[in-house]
């Protein structure tokens, strides 16, 4: 029996990963949601400070059960496009480092080759899943509220994360690609 796996990755060191696994012919879905695993290390700049980085080993262990080893599975991953803003150099640098780590993990997580993936802008999935007209902190609040409503079994994790972005990206992926994969 085949299954479809839809994974949403809210890119960044404060992001999250959501997965929705749908077995062929079954009405129940397996839902998973967690913060992106990170590690702290000393910065490589002259100023002595610590930076967060994605723990790519832990991310690979997290993704492997969903995307590897089942010939009857179809997998689709949506990765939120990183924020690029020259006026926010430090945040942009962190986002690009995080994206590179995610891409490397998606390329090597399975011996069969890279996992099928695409990029998504936050506005695209938010337009479908969140109330219109929200900005700034309101988006995070709405993400948590909608996430808890759609996925009540994940409410505790969503509240701890303070949003459900990764899981809502996975839900958008399921809605967009569910019939195609």
Foldseek 3Di string as FASTA:
>chain_A
DEKEKFWFWAFFQLTKIKIWIGHPPDPDIDIDIAGQAWDKDFDPDPDTDIDIAGPLVVVLVVCLVRFDDDPRYAYEYEYEDQDDDPVPVVSRVRRVRRVVSVQVSQQPSYPVGGHHYDYDHLCVLCVVQFDPDDDDLVSLQRQLVSCCVVPVVCNVNSVVSSGRRRNSRSVVRCVVCVVPD
